[in-house]
Amino acid sequence: MSIGASIFLIIIGAILTFAVQVSTPGFNINTVVIILMIGGLIGLVLSVMFWSSFSPYRRRRTIAGDTVVEERRIERDLP
């Protein structure tokens, strides 16, 4: 789940909690709200954890020492 989808679930849960007043027999909207908000929070935490581990902007460790560079030669027959 992406960060945007997680925030969307949290927002929908908050809207249903504070803006909607519904009474229906056999259906509890508060349970749905709790499930949406907890799912959104768990998704947000997991997204942030995985985003930081796979981010292309993360810090890279450099090891002091000799650098070995290998050069490849590709020979092609051009038409």
PDB file of N, CA and C in Angstrom:
ATOM      1  N   MET A   1       0.854  -1.162   0.000  1.00  0.00           N
ATOM      2  CA  MET A   1       0.000   0.000   0.000  1.00  0.00           C
ATOM      3  C   MET A   1       0.903   1.229   0.000  1.00  0.00           C
ATOM      4  N   SER A   2       0.564   2.208  -0.778  1.00  0.00           N
ATOM      5  CA  SER A   2       1.384   3.411  -0.851  1.00  0.00           C
ATOM      6  C   SER A   2       1.042   4.378   0.280  1.00  0.00           C
ATOM      7  N   ILE A   3       1.872   5.381   0.413  1.00  0.00           N
ATOM      8  CA  ILE A   3       1.649   6.389   1.448  1.00  0.00           C
ATOM      9  C   ILE A   3       0.350   7.146   1.181  1.00  0.00           C
ATOM     10  N   GLY A   4       0.090   7.455  -0.077  1.00  0.00           N
ATOM     11  CA  GLY A   4      -1.131   8.176  -0.431  1.00  0.00           C
ATOM     12  C   GLY A   4      -2.387   7.389  -0.122  1.00  0.00           C
ATOM     13  N   ALA A   5      -2.363   6.088  -0.416  1.00  0.00           N
ATOM     14  CA  ALA A   5      -3.529   5.244  -0.116  1.00  0.00           C
ATOM     15  C   ALA A   5      -3.740   5.126   1.390  1.00  0.00           C
ATOM     16  N   SER A   6      -2.661   5.045   2.147  1.00  0.00           N
ATOM     17  CA  SER A   6      -2.782   4.970   3.605  1.00  0.00           C
ATOM     18  C   SER A   6      -3.387   6.241   4.180  1.00  0.00           C
ATOM     19  N   ILE A   7      -2.915   7.383   3.706  1.00  0.00           N
ATOM     20  CA  ILE A   7      -3.462   8.663   4.182  1.00  0.00           C
ATOM     21  C   ILE A   7      -4.924   8.800   3.757  1.00  0.00           C
ATOM     22  N   PHE A   8      -5.256   8.313   2.564  1.00  0.00           N
ATOM     23  CA  PHE A   8      -6.643   8.346   2.101  1.00  0.00           C
ATOM     24  C   PHE A   8      -7.551   7.537   3.030  1.00  0.00           C
ATOM     25  N   LEU A   9      -7.109   6.339   3.438  1.00  0.00           N
ATOM     26  CA  LEU A   9      -7.913   5.530   4.361  1.00  0.00           C
ATOM     27  C   LEU A   9      -8.094   6.221   5.712  1.00  0.00           C
ATOM     28  N   ILE A  10      -7.042   6.852   6.193  1.00  0.00           N
ATOM     29  CA  ILE A  10      -7.138   7.565   7.476  1.00  0.00           C
ATOM     30  C   ILE A  10      -8.116   8.730   7.352  1.00  0.00           C
ATOM     31  N   ILE A  11      -8.054   9.454   6.248  1.00  0.00           N
ATOM     32  CA  ILE A  11      -8.960  10.598   6.047  1.00  0.00           C
ATOM     33  C   ILE A  11     -10.408  10.128   5.935  1.00  0.00           C
ATOM     34  N   ILE A  12     -10.658   9.058   5.185  1.00  0.00           N
ATOM     35  CA  ILE A  12     -12.024   8.531   5.065  1.00  0.00           C
ATOM     36  C   ILE A  12     -12.542   8.089   6.435  1.00  0.00           C
ATOM     37  N   GLY A  13     -11.691   7.446   7.220  1.00  0.00           N
ATOM     38  CA  GLY A  13     -12.095   7.044   8.568  1.00  0.00           C
ATOM     39  C   GLY A  13     -12.428   8.232   9.448  1.00  0.00           C
ATOM     40  N   ALA A  14     -11.621   9.298   9.347  1.00  0.00           N
ATOM     41  CA  ALA A  14     -11.881  10.498  10.142  1.00  0.00           C
ATOM     42  C   ALA A  14     -13.167  11.186   9.704  1.00  0.00           C
ATOM     43  N   ILE A  15     -13.416  11.235   8.417  1.00  0.00           N
ATOM     44  CA  ILE A  15     -14.659  11.848   7.925  1.00  0.00           C
ATOM     45  C   ILE A  15     -15.866  11.059   8.418  1.00  0.00           C
ATOM     46  N   LEU A  16     -15.787   9.737   8.327  1.00  0.00           N
ATOM     47  CA  LEU A  16     -16.907   8.926   8.804  1.00  0.00           C
ATOM     48  C   LEU A  16     -17.101   9.053  10.316  1.00  0.00           C
ATOM     49  N   THR A  17     -16.019   9.255  11.042  1.00  0.00           N
ATOM     50  CA  THR A  17     -16.130   9.395  12.498  1.00  0.00           C
ATOM     51  C   THR A  17     -16.788  10.704  12.893  1.00  0.00           C
ATOM     52  N   PHE A  18     -16.328  11.814  12.327  1.00  0.00           N
ATOM     53  CA  PHE A  18     -16.733  13.129  12.813  1.00  0.00           C
ATOM     54  C   PHE A  18     -17.845  13.785  12.009  1.00  0.00           C
ATOM     55  N   ALA A  19     -18.103  13.356  10.780  1.00  0.00           N
ATOM     56  CA  ALA A  19     -19.065  14.077   9.946  1.00  0.00           C
ATOM     57  C   ALA A  19     -20.334  13.292   9.631  1.00  0.00           C
ATOM     58  N   VAL A  20     -20.337  11.993   9.870  1.00  0.00           N
ATOM     59  CA  VAL A  20     -21.485  11.176   9.483  1.00  0.00           C
ATOM     60  C   VAL A  20     -22.197  10.671  10.732  1.00  0.00           C
ATOM     61  N   GLN A  21     -23.487  10.857  10.782  1.00  0.00           N
ATOM     62  CA  GLN A  21     -24.322  10.365  11.870  1.00  0.00           C
ATOM     63  C   GLN A  21     -25.325   9.385  11.278  1.00  0.00           C
ATOM     64  N   VAL A  22     -25.042   8.088  11.356  1.00  0.00           N
ATOM     65  CA  VAL A  22     -25.900   7.078  10.742  1.00  0.00           C
ATOM     66  C   VAL A  22     -26.243   6.022  11.782  1.00  0.00           C
ATOM     67  N   SER A  23     -27.493   5.626  11.817  1.00  0.00           N
ATOM     68  CA  SER A  23     -27.933   4.523  12.662  1.00  0.00           C
ATOM     69  C   SER A  23     -28.590   3.487  11.757  1.00  0.00           C
ATOM     70  N   THR A  24     -27.988   2.328  11.671  1.00  0.00           N
ATOM     71  CA  THR A  24     -28.570   1.266  10.861  1.00  0.00           C
ATOM     72  C   THR A  24     -28.593  -0.015  11.682  1.00  0.00           C
ATOM     73  N   PRO A  25     -29.654  -0.771  11.570  1.00  0.00           N
ATOM     74  CA  PRO A  25     -29.688  -2.042  12.301  1.00  0.00           C
ATOM     75  C   PRO A  25     -28.814  -3.085  11.590  1.00  0.00           C
ATOM     76  N   GLY A  26     -27.984  -3.776  12.358  1.00  0.00           N
ATOM     77  CA  GLY A  26     -27.144  -4.832  11.808  1.00  0.00           C
ATOM     78  C   GLY A  26     -25.841  -4.355  11.188  1.00  0.00           C
ATOM     79  N   PHE A  27     -25.594  -3.050  11.202  1.00  0.00           N
ATOM     80  CA  PHE A  27     -24.364  -2.523  10.603  1.00  0.00           C
ATOM     81  C   PHE A  27     -23.832  -1.431  11.516  1.00  0.00           C
ATOM     82  N   ASN A  28     -22.636  -1.602  12.004  1.00  0.00           N
ATOM     83  CA  ASN A  28     -22.051  -0.626  12.907  1.00  0.00           C
ATOM     84  C   ASN A  28     -20.973   0.146  12.161  1.00  0.00           C
ATOM     85  N   ILE A  29     -21.216   1.416  11.906  1.00  0.00           N
ATOM     86  CA  ILE A  29     -20.266   2.222  11.149  1.00  0.00           C
ATOM     87  C   ILE A  29     -18.998   2.485  11.947  1.00  0.00           C
ATOM     88  N   ASN A  30     -19.099   2.473  13.267  1.00  0.00           N
ATOM     89  CA  ASN A  30     -17.908   2.695  14.090  1.00  0.00           C
ATOM     90  C   ASN A  30     -16.884   1.578  13.904  1.00  0.00           C
ATOM     91  N   THR A  31     -17.331   0.361  13.693  1.00  0.00           N
ATOM     92  CA  THR A  31     -16.417  -0.746  13.443  1.00  0.00           C
ATOM     93  C   THR A  31     -15.695  -0.547  12.113  1.00  0.00           C
ATOM     94  N   VAL A  32     -16.407  -0.118  11.101  1.00  0.00           N
ATOM     95  CA  VAL A  32     -15.804   0.147   9.790  1.00  0.00           C
ATOM     96  C   VAL A  32     -14.770   1.268   9.901  1.00  0.00           C
ATOM     97  N   VAL A  33     -15.104   2.304  10.655  1.00  0.00           N
ATOM     98  CA  VAL A  33     -14.192   3.435  10.838  1.00  0.00           C
ATOM     99  C   VAL A  33     -12.907   2.982  11.514  1.00  0.00           C
ATOM    100  N   ILE A  34     -13.045   2.180  12.548  1.00  0.00           N
ATOM    101  CA  ILE A  34     -11.857   1.700  13.266  1.00  0.00           C
ATOM    102  C   ILE A  34     -10.989   0.840  12.351  1.00  0.00           C
ATOM    103  N   ILE A  35     -11.614  -0.027  11.568  1.00  0.00           N
ATOM    104  CA  ILE A  35     -10.854  -0.876  10.642  1.00  0.00           C
ATOM    105  C   ILE A  35     -10.136  -0.026   9.602  1.00  0.00           C
ATOM    106  N   LEU A  36     -10.804   0.981   9.048  1.00  0.00           N
ATOM    107  CA  LEU A  36     -10.171   1.850   8.059  1.00  0.00           C
ATOM    108  C   LEU A  36      -8.982   2.610   8.638  1.00  0.00           C
ATOM    109  N   MET A  37      -9.159   3.168   9.816  1.00  0.00           N
ATOM    110  CA  MET A  37      -8.096   3.975  10.403  1.00  0.00           C
ATOM    111  C   MET A  37      -6.905   3.118  10.838  1.00  0.00           C
ATOM    112  N   ILE A  38      -7.152   1.962  11.415  1.00  0.00           N
ATOM    113  CA  ILE A  38      -6.050   1.086  11.817  1.00  0.00           C
ATOM    114  C   ILE A  38      -5.330   0.548  10.580  1.00  0.00           C
ATOM    115  N   GLY A  39      -6.087   0.153   9.560  1.00  0.00           N
ATOM    116  CA  GLY A  39      -5.464  -0.294   8.318  1.00  0.00           C
ATOM    117  C   GLY A  39      -4.632   0.799   7.674  1.00  0.00           C
ATOM    118  N   GLY A  40      -5.126   2.018   7.690  1.00  0.00           N
ATOM    119  CA  GLY A  40      -4.372   3.146   7.145  1.00  0.00           C
ATOM    120  C   GLY A  40      -3.105   3.428   7.925  1.00  0.00           C
ATOM    121  N   LEU A  41      -3.183   3.362   9.243  1.00  0.00           N
ATOM    122  CA  LEU A  41      -1.992   3.598  10.068  1.00  0.00           C
ATOM    123  C   LEU A  41      -0.941   2.507   9.862  1.00  0.00           C
ATOM    124  N   ILE A  42      -1.371   1.252   9.827  1.00  0.00           N
ATOM    125  CA  ILE A  42      -0.428   0.158   9.598  1.00  0.00           C
ATOM    126  C   ILE A  42       0.197   0.284   8.207  1.00  0.00           C
ATOM    127  N   GLY A  43      -0.619   0.599   7.209  1.00  0.00           N
ATOM    128  CA  GLY A  43      -0.094   0.794   5.858  1.00  0.00           C
ATOM    129  C   GLY A  43       0.876   1.957   5.778  1.00  0.00           C
ATOM    130  N   LEU A  44       0.595   3.034   6.498  1.00  0.00           N
ATOM    131  CA  LEU A  44       1.482   4.194   6.501  1.00  0.00           C
ATOM    132  C   LEU A  44       2.827   3.852   7.128  1.00  0.00           C
ATOM    133  N   VAL A  45       2.796   3.165   8.261  1.00  0.00           N
ATOM    134  CA  VAL A  45       4.047   2.780   8.927  1.00  0.00           C
ATOM    135  C   VAL A  45       4.874   1.850   8.040  1.00  0.00           C
ATOM    136  N   LEU A  46       4.226   0.852   7.439  1.00  0.00           N
ATOM    137  CA  LEU A  46       4.954  -0.072   6.572  1.00  0.00           C
ATOM    138  C   LEU A  46       5.474   0.625   5.320  1.00  0.00           C
ATOM    139  N   SER A  47       4.708   1.535   4.760  1.00  0.00           N
ATOM    140  CA  SER A  47       5.157   2.264   3.572  1.00  0.00           C
ATOM    141  C   SER A  47       6.378   3.116   3.873  1.00  0.00           C
ATOM    142  N   VAL A  48       6.364   3.779   5.009  1.00  0.00           N
ATOM    143  CA  VAL A  48       7.510   4.615   5.374  1.00  0.00           C
ATOM    144  C   VAL A  48       8.741   3.755   5.627  1.00  0.00           C
ATOM    145  N   MET A  49       8.562   2.602   6.266  1.00  0.00           N
ATOM    146  CA  MET A  49       9.704   1.716   6.523  1.00  0.00           C
ATOM    147  C   MET A  49      10.294   1.201   5.220  1.00  0.00           C
ATOM    148  N   PHE A  50       9.461   0.708   4.309  1.00  0.00           N
ATOM    149  CA  PHE A  50       9.970   0.172   3.052  1.00  0.00           C
ATOM    150  C   PHE A  50      10.456   1.272   2.118  1.00  0.00           C
ATOM    151  N   TRP A  51       9.850   2.443   2.177  1.00  0.00           N
ATOM    152  CA  TRP A  51      10.268   3.549   1.336  1.00  0.00           C
ATOM    153  C   TRP A  51      11.692   3.968   1.685  1.00  0.00           C
ATOM    154  N   SER A  52      12.011   4.000   2.959  1.00  0.00           N
ATOM    155  CA  SER A  52      13.347   4.421   3.357  1.00  0.00           C
ATOM    156  C   SER A  52      14.389   3.359   3.028  1.00  0.00           C
ATOM    157  N   SER A  53      14.005   2.077   2.996  1.00  0.00           N
ATOM    158  CA  SER A  53      14.992   1.054   2.709  1.00  0.00           C
ATOM    159  C   SER A  53      15.260   0.894   1.216  1.00  0.00           C
ATOM    160  N   PHE A  54      14.292   1.239   0.356  1.00  0.00           N
ATOM    161  CA  PHE A  54      14.477   1.102  -1.078  1.00  0.00           C
ATOM    162  C   PHE A  54      14.659   2.443  -1.785  1.00  0.00           C
ATOM    163  N   SER A  55      14.799   3.498  -1.048  1.00  0.00           N
ATOM    164  CA  SER A  55      14.885   4.828  -1.629  1.00  0.00           C
ATOM    165  C   SER A  55      16.196   5.005  -2.401  1.00  0.00           C
ATOM    166  N   PRO A  56      16.142   5.616  -3.590  1.00  0.00           N
ATOM    167  CA  PRO A  56      17.389   5.868  -4.315  1.00  0.00           C
ATOM    168  C   PRO A  56      18.206   6.992  -3.691  1.00  0.00           C
ATOM    169  N   TYR A  57      17.637   7.729  -2.747  1.00  0.00           N
ATOM    170  CA  TYR A  57      18.333   8.837  -2.114  1.00  0.00           C
ATOM    171  C   TYR A  57      18.934   8.466  -0.770  1.00  0.00           C
ATOM    172  N   ARG A  58      19.000   7.188  -0.478  1.00  0.00           N
ATOM    173  CA  ARG A  58      19.540   6.794   0.816  1.00  0.00           C
ATOM    174  C   ARG A  58      21.046   6.997   0.843  1.00  0.00           C
ATOM    175  N   ARG A  59      21.590   7.013   2.039  1.00  0.00           N
ATOM    176  CA  ARG A  59      23.019   7.199   2.195  1.00  0.00           C
ATOM    177  C   ARG A  59      23.750   5.931   1.812  1.00  0.00           C
ATOM    178  N   ARG A  60      24.852   6.104   1.158  1.00  0.00           N
ATOM    179  CA  ARG A  60      25.666   4.960   0.764  1.00  0.00           C
ATOM    180  C   ARG A  60      26.971   5.008   1.534  1.00  0.00           C
ATOM    181  N   ARG A  61      27.373   3.835   1.964  1.00  0.00           N
ATOM    182  CA  ARG A  61      28.648   3.762   2.673  1.00  0.00           C
ATOM    183  C   ARG A  61      29.769   3.607   1.655  1.00  0.00           C
ATOM    184  N   THR A  62      30.825   4.317   1.882  1.00  0.00           N
ATOM    185  CA  THR A  62      31.999   4.162   1.040  1.00  0.00           C
ATOM    186  C   THR A  62      33.115   3.595   1.892  1.00  0.00           C
ATOM    187  N   ILE A  63      33.830   2.686   1.314  1.00  0.00           N
ATOM    188  CA  ILE A  63      34.926   2.055   2.031  1.00  0.00           C
ATOM    189  C   ILE A  63      36.225   2.639   1.505  1.00  0.00           C
ATOM    190  N   ALA A  64      37.028   3.121   2.427  1.00  0.00           N
ATOM    191  CA  ALA A  64      38.307   3.699   2.027  1.00  0.00           C
ATOM    192  C   ALA A  64      39.222   2.582   1.533  1.00  0.00           C
ATOM    193  N   GLY A  65      39.927   2.859   0.474  1.00  0.00           N
ATOM    194  CA  GLY A  65      40.839   1.858  -0.064  1.00  0.00           C
ATOM    195  C   GLY A  65      40.934   1.991  -1.561  1.00  0.00           C
ATOM    196  N   ASP A  66      41.492   0.978  -2.178  1.00  0.00           N
ATOM    197  CA  ASP A  66      41.679   0.981  -3.621  1.00  0.00           C
ATOM    198  C   ASP A  66      40.350   0.750  -4.331  1.00  0.00           C
ATOM    199  N   THR A  67      40.195   1.424  -5.441  1.00  0.00           N
ATOM    200  CA  THR A  67      39.005   1.255  -6.261  1.00  0.00           C
ATOM    201  C   THR A  67      39.402   0.493  -7.520  1.00  0.00           C
ATOM    202  N   VAL A  68      38.726  -0.582  -7.772  1.00  0.00           N
ATOM    203  CA  VAL A  68      39.002  -1.394  -8.951  1.00  0.00           C
ATOM    204  C   VAL A  68      37.942  -1.091  -9.990  1.00  0.00           C
ATOM    205  N   VAL A  69      38.388  -0.722 -11.166  1.00  0.00           N
ATOM    206  CA  VAL A  69      37.473  -0.430 -12.255  1.00  0.00           C
ATOM    207  C   VAL A  69      37.796  -1.399 -13.385  1.00  0.00           C
ATOM    208  N   GLU A  70      36.800  -2.094 -13.854  1.00  0.00           N
ATOM    209  CA  GLU A  70      36.980  -3.045 -14.941  1.00  0.00           C
ATOM    210  C   GLU A  70      36.308  -2.496 -16.180  1.00  0.00           C
ATOM    211  N   GLU A  71      37.015  -2.538 -17.263  1.00  0.00           N
ATOM    212  CA  GLU A  71      36.480  -2.004 -18.506  1.00  0.00           C
ATOM    213  C   GLU A  71      36.115  -3.164 -19.420  1.00  0.00           C
ATOM    214  N   ARG A  72      34.942  -3.091 -19.999  1.00  0.00           N
ATOM    215  CA  ARG A  72      34.511  -4.107 -20.943  1.00  0.00           C
ATOM    216  C   ARG A  72      34.611  -3.565 -22.355  1.00  0.00           C
ATOM    217  N   ARG A  73      35.053  -4.388 -23.231  1.00  0.00           N
ATOM    218  CA  ARG A  73      35.108  -4.004 -24.639  1.00  0.00           C
ATOM    219  C   ARG A  73      34.078  -4.844 -25.380  1.00  0.00           C
ATOM    220  N   ILE A  74      33.173  -4.157 -26.063  1.00  0.00           N
ATOM    221  CA  ILE A  74      32.132  -4.826 -26.819  1.00  0.00           C
ATOM    222  C   ILE A  74      32.408  -4.574 -28.294  1.00  0.00           C
ATOM    223  N   GLU A  75      32.575  -5.646 -29.016  1.00  0.00           N
ATOM    224  CA  GLU A  75      32.815  -5.525 -30.441  1.00  0.00           C
ATOM    225  C   GLU A  75      31.564  -5.941 -31.198  1.00  0.00           C
ATOM    226  N   ARG A  76      31.118  -5.059 -32.054  1.00  0.00           N
ATOM    227  CA  ARG A  76      29.915  -5.344 -32.833  1.00  0.00           C
ATOM    228  C   ARG A  76      30.220  -5.152 -34.314  1.00  0.00           C
ATOM    229  N   ASP A  77      29.567  -5.961 -35.100  1.00  0.00           N
ATOM    230  CA  ASP A  77      29.663  -5.787 -36.548  1.00  0.00           C
ATOM    231  C   ASP A  77      28.526  -4.888 -36.980  1.00  0.00           C
ATOM    232  N   LEU A  78      28.858  -3.692 -37.395  1.00  0.00           N
ATOM    233  CA  LEU A  78      27.834  -2.756 -37.838  1.00  0.00           C
ATOM    234  C   LEU A  78      27.515  -2.994 -39.299  1.00  0.00           C
ATOM    235  N   PRO A  79      26.264  -2.874 -39.718  1.00  0.00           N
ATOM    236  CA  PRO A  79      25.903  -3.124 -41.129  1.00  0.00           C
ATOM    237  C   PRO A  79      26.413  -2.059 -42.055  1.00  0.00           C
TER     238      PRO A  79
END
